[in-house]
């Protein structure tokens, strides 16, 4: 029944512009500090996410860590 209520609210447009269904976290480059990526947050994760991603500012693959 909760899924129906959520879908019903979406159809009626009762959510405000800033509301979202999932939390997103920013990933920043370890080398230059640029925030290049935004990914959905894991609900059960207590540790910060670390991924090796491409940084367009550094022009190479670097470690990207989750910011607050």
Protein backbone atom coordinates (compact mmCIF):
# COMPACT_ATOMS: atom_id res chain seq x y z
CA UNK A 1 0.00 0.00 0.00
CA UNK A 2 2.88 2.41 0.61
CA UNK A 3 4.05 2.02 -2.98
CA UNK A 4 0.60 3.09 -4.13
CA UNK A 5 0.73 6.20 -1.91
CA UNK A 6 4.15 7.18 -3.23
CA UNK A 7 3.03 6.69 -6.84
CA UNK A 8 -0.19 8.58 -6.13
CA UNK A 9 1.76 11.55 -4.74
CA UNK A 10 4.06 11.55 -7.76
CA UNK A 11 1.09 11.59 -10.10
CA UNK A 12 -0.59 14.43 -8.23
CA UNK A 13 2.63 16.46 -8.02
CA UNK A 14 2.57 16.83 -4.23
CA UNK A 15 6.35 16.57 -3.92
CA UNK A 16 8.27 19.82 -3.89
CA UNK A 17 11.10 20.53 -6.31
CA UNK A 18 13.90 19.73 -3.79
CA UNK A 19 12.39 16.45 -2.58
CA UNK A 20 13.93 13.26 -3.85
CA UNK A 21 13.29 9.61 -3.26
CA UNK A 22 16.93 8.68 -2.67
CA UNK A 23 19.83 10.45 -1.01
CA UNK A 24 22.79 11.28 -3.21
CA UNK A 25 26.40 11.73 -2.17
CA UNK A 26 29.18 13.58 -3.97
CA UNK A 27 32.48 11.95 -4.92
CA UNK A 28 35.52 14.21 -4.98
CA UNK A 29 38.87 13.60 -6.63
CA UNK A 30 41.66 12.76 -4.20
CA UNK A 31 44.25 14.57 -6.33
CA UNK A 32 42.61 17.91 -7.24
CA UNK A 33 39.51 17.95 -4.97
CA UNK A 34 36.97 18.51 -7.76
CA UNK A 35 33.51 17.06 -7.14
CA UNK A 36 32.93 15.20 -10.38
CA UNK A 37 30.30 12.56 -9.57
CA UNK A 38 27.02 12.23 -7.64
CA UNK A 39 25.87 8.69 -6.84
CA UNK A 40 23.02 7.20 -4.78
CA UNK A 41 24.00 6.56 -1.16
CA UNK A 42 23.96 3.06 0.30
CA UNK A 43 21.52 2.82 3.20
CA UNK A 44 23.50 0.31 5.28
CA UNK A 45 26.96 1.74 4.64
CA UNK A 46 28.73 3.27 7.62
CA UNK A 47 32.03 3.61 5.75
CA UNK A 48 32.65 6.23 3.10
CA UNK A 49 32.57 5.12 -0.51
CA UNK A 50 35.84 5.06 -2.47
CA UNK A 51 35.89 4.44 -6.22
CA UNK A 52 38.50 4.78 -8.92
CA UNK A 53 36.90 7.08 -11.51
CA UNK A 54 38.02 9.32 -14.37
CA UNK A 55 38.73 12.96 -13.41
CA UNK A 56 38.27 15.37 -16.31
CA UNK A 57 40.32 18.04 -14.51
CA UNK A 58 43.35 15.77 -13.99
CA UNK A 59 42.80 13.84 -17.26
CA UNK A 60 43.46 10.48 -15.55
CA UNK A 61 41.81 7.84 -13.40
CA UNK A 62 42.15 8.75 -9.72
CA UNK A 63 40.65 7.67 -6.43
CA UNK A 64 37.38 9.48 -5.68
CA UNK A 65 36.11 9.56 -2.09
CA UNK A 66 32.68 10.35 -0.70
CA UNK A 67 32.30 13.85 0.72
CA UNK A 68 29.89 15.01 3.38
